[in-house]
Amino acid sequence: MRRVATKVAVSIPDDLYRAVEQARKRHGKSRSAIIQDALRHWLRHEAEVALVREYEAGYRRRPETRREIKAADAAAVRLLGGEDW
């Protein structure tokens, strides 16, 4: 099955263009491959940021109790107390 691609024209500062050109040539990649990699990386980063925000919001709604903190401290002492730091 043929993959469909959309051509996109973008403008970037000359210094960024030169840096990307050097890097892509060094790695033997096409401009399209470099831009696709960068966009995938950015999308993954955005998804991770969203998960962190969701985690933080959940924690603000329900932070751990004093009892849970004490239990975590006790477990850490048991597990790490014998480590040679």
Protein backbone atom coordinates (compact mmCIF):
# COMPACT_ATOMS: atom_id res chain seq x y z
CA MET A 1 0.00 0.00 0.00
CA ARG A 2 1.37 3.39 -0.94
CA ARG A 3 1.99 5.87 1.85
CA VAL A 4 0.54 9.27 1.21
CA ALA A 5 2.74 12.27 1.99
CA THR A 6 1.92 15.95 2.09
CA LYS A 7 4.48 18.52 1.03
CA VAL A 8 4.86 21.44 3.40
CA ALA A 9 6.84 24.62 2.92
CA VAL A 10 8.34 26.11 6.07
CA SER A 11 10.61 29.04 6.78
CA ILE A 12 13.44 28.71 9.27
CA PRO A 13 16.28 31.05 10.21
CA ASP A 14 19.45 30.66 8.12
CA ASP A 15 21.61 29.61 11.08
CA LEU A 16 19.17 26.83 11.99
CA TYR A 17 19.05 25.70 8.35
CA ARG A 18 22.84 25.51 8.16
CA ALA A 19 23.05 23.56 11.42
CA VAL A 20 20.39 21.10 10.28
CA GLU A 21 22.08 20.67 6.90
CA GLN A 22 25.40 19.84 8.55
CA ALA A 23 23.79 17.36 10.93
CA ARG A 24 21.65 15.64 8.31
CA LYS A 25 24.60 15.24 5.93
CA ARG A 26 26.71 13.83 8.76
CA HIS A 27 23.98 11.27 9.47
CA GLY A 28 23.17 10.61 5.82
CA LYS A 29 19.51 11.53 6.17
CA SER A 30 17.20 13.45 3.89
CA ARG A 31 15.63 16.74 4.94
CA SER A 32 12.26 15.00 4.99
CA ALA A 33 13.57 12.31 7.33
CA ILE A 34 15.08 14.90 9.67
CA ILE A 35 11.86 16.95 9.80
CA GLN A 36 9.78 13.81 10.36
CA ASP A 37 12.08 12.73 13.20
CA ALA A 38 11.87 16.19 14.77
CA LEU A 39 8.07 16.28 14.55
CA ARG A 40 7.73 12.78 16.02
CA HIS A 41 10.06 13.78 18.86
CA TRP A 42 8.03 16.93 19.51
CA LEU A 43 4.75 14.99 19.50
CA ARG A 44 6.16 12.42 21.98
CA HIS A 45 7.37 15.25 24.19
CA GLU A 46 3.94 16.90 24.12
CA ALA A 47 2.29 13.59 25.08
CA GLU A 48 4.74 13.19 27.99
CA VAL A 49 4.08 16.75 29.16
CA ALA A 50 0.33 16.04 29.10
CA LEU A 51 0.85 12.90 31.22
CA VAL A 52 2.92 14.81 33.78
CA ARG A 53 0.22 17.49 34.00
CA GLU A 54 -2.42 14.80 34.49
CA TYR A 55 -0.31 13.16 37.22
CA GLU A 56 0.24 16.49 38.98
CA ALA A 57 -3.46 17.33 38.83
CA GLY A 58 -4.31 13.93 40.32
CA TYR A 59 -1.77 14.43 43.08
CA ARG A 60 -3.22 17.85 43.89
CA ARG A 61 -6.69 16.26 44.09
CA ARG A 62 -5.43 13.47 46.34
CA PRO A 63 -1.99 13.89 47.89
CA GLU A 64 -0.61 11.07 50.02
CA THR A 65 -1.64 10.93 53.65
CA ARG A 66 0.75 11.17 56.62
CA ARG A 67 0.27 7.44 57.12
CA GLU A 68 1.32 6.74 53.53
CA ILE A 69 4.37 9.00 53.91
CA LYS A 70 5.42 7.16 57.08
CA ALA A 71 4.99 3.81 55.35
CA ALA A 72 7.10 4.95 52.38
CA ASP A 73 9.81 6.25 54.72
CA ALA A 74 9.87 2.98 56.65
CA ALA A 75 10.08 0.96 53.43
CA ALA A 76 12.93 3.14 52.17
CA VAL A 77 14.86 2.68 55.42
CA ARG A 78 14.35 -1.11 55.25
CA LEU A 79 15.33 -1.35 51.59
CA LEU A 80 18.17 1.16 51.51
CA GLY A 81 19.47 0.97 55.09
CA GLY A 82 21.91 -1.80 54.26
CA GLU A 83 23.30 -0.11 51.14
CA ASP A 84 26.93 0.96 51.18
CA TRP A 85 26.71 4.59 50.12
